[in-house]
Every structure is written in C-alpha cells, then in structure tokens.
C-alpha cells in the first residue's frame, strides 16, 4: 500500500485526482512547447478553458 510522508494511507479519491492533475500539466506543457510564440501558447490555453472554445472564429485568430 502506498502512504504519504506522514505514514498515513492515501485516500481512494486522491489517486484519480492525481491522474487528472498530471494530465492537465502535461497537456498544458505540450501546448506551450508546440506554440510558435508565448502569446500563441497562452492564447491556445485560454481557448481550451473558455466556454467559447468551440467557435471557429476564435480558433482562426489563434492560428493566423
């Protein structure tokens, strides 16, 4: 069994939360390394988390 540095066992909900956090960090990292500029990278990340991210007009601005 896995335990934290204090010696207590991790809660069952912690493991899936850790997977989600890891995937979020990896995806954001991929976006930043793939972007040509920091501005484009932050623009893509902003579009990923905005409710209007599916609009074609917003996406066309990012990759122009």
Protein backbone atom coordinates (compact mmCIF):
# COMPACT_ATOMS: atom_id res chain seq x y z
CA UNK A 1 0.00 0.00 0.00
CA UNK A 2 1.07 3.49 -0.77
CA UNK A 3 1.48 6.02 2.02
CA UNK A 4 2.32 9.67 2.31
CA UNK A 5 5.37 11.07 4.07
CA UNK A 6 3.43 11.19 7.35
CA UNK A 7 2.81 7.47 7.24
CA UNK A 8 -0.96 7.62 6.76
CA UNK A 9 -2.59 5.84 3.85
CA UNK A 10 -3.74 7.93 0.91
CA UNK A 11 -7.47 8.28 0.43
CA UNK A 12 -9.03 6.49 -2.54
CA UNK A 13 -10.19 9.75 -4.17
CA UNK A 14 -6.65 11.11 -4.22
CA UNK A 15 -5.35 8.76 -6.89
CA UNK A 16 -7.78 9.72 -9.71
CA UNK A 17 -7.36 13.37 -8.76
CA UNK A 18 -3.60 12.94 -9.13
CA UNK A 19 -4.07 11.44 -12.61
CA UNK A 20 -6.26 14.36 -13.70
CA UNK A 21 -3.75 16.88 -12.35
CA UNK A 22 -0.86 15.13 -14.11
CA UNK A 23 -2.69 15.02 -17.44
CA UNK A 24 -3.61 18.70 -17.13
CA UNK A 25 0.02 19.68 -16.50
CA UNK A 26 1.28 17.50 -19.38
CA UNK A 27 -1.28 18.85 -21.86
CA UNK A 28 -0.56 22.46 -20.92
CA UNK A 29 3.16 21.73 -21.27
CA UNK A 30 2.66 20.21 -24.73
CA UNK A 31 0.68 23.27 -25.81
CA UNK A 32 3.39 25.64 -24.62
CA UNK A 33 6.20 23.72 -26.34
CA UNK A 34 4.19 23.33 -29.57
CA UNK A 35 3.27 27.02 -29.87
CA UNK A 36 5.46 29.26 -32.00
CA UNK A 37 5.29 32.15 -29.51
CA UNK A 38 4.35 32.55 -25.85
CA UNK A 39 1.43 34.70 -26.91
CA UNK A 40 0.11 31.93 -29.13
CA UNK A 41 0.63 29.35 -26.38
CA UNK A 42 -1.26 31.37 -23.79
CA UNK A 43 -3.96 32.07 -26.38
CA UNK A 44 -4.47 28.38 -27.05
CA UNK A 45 -4.56 27.62 -23.32
CA UNK A 46 -7.10 30.40 -22.79
CA UNK A 47 -9.21 28.99 -25.63
CA UNK A 48 -9.04 25.50 -24.10
CA UNK A 49 -10.61 26.74 -20.86
CA UNK A 50 -13.09 29.30 -22.20
CA UNK A 51 -16.72 28.39 -22.93
CA UNK A 52 -16.44 29.77 -26.48
CA UNK A 53 -13.51 27.49 -27.31
CA UNK A 54 -15.53 25.62 -29.93
CA UNK A 55 -16.18 28.63 -32.12
CA UNK A 56 -14.35 28.62 -35.44
CA UNK A 57 -13.80 32.39 -35.35
CA UNK A 58 -11.92 32.21 -32.05
CA UNK A 59 -9.74 29.36 -33.28
CA UNK A 60 -8.92 31.11 -36.55
CA UNK A 61 -7.47 34.07 -34.63
CA UNK A 62 -5.13 31.85 -32.64
CA UNK A 63 -3.51 30.11 -35.58
CA UNK A 64 -3.31 33.02 -38.02
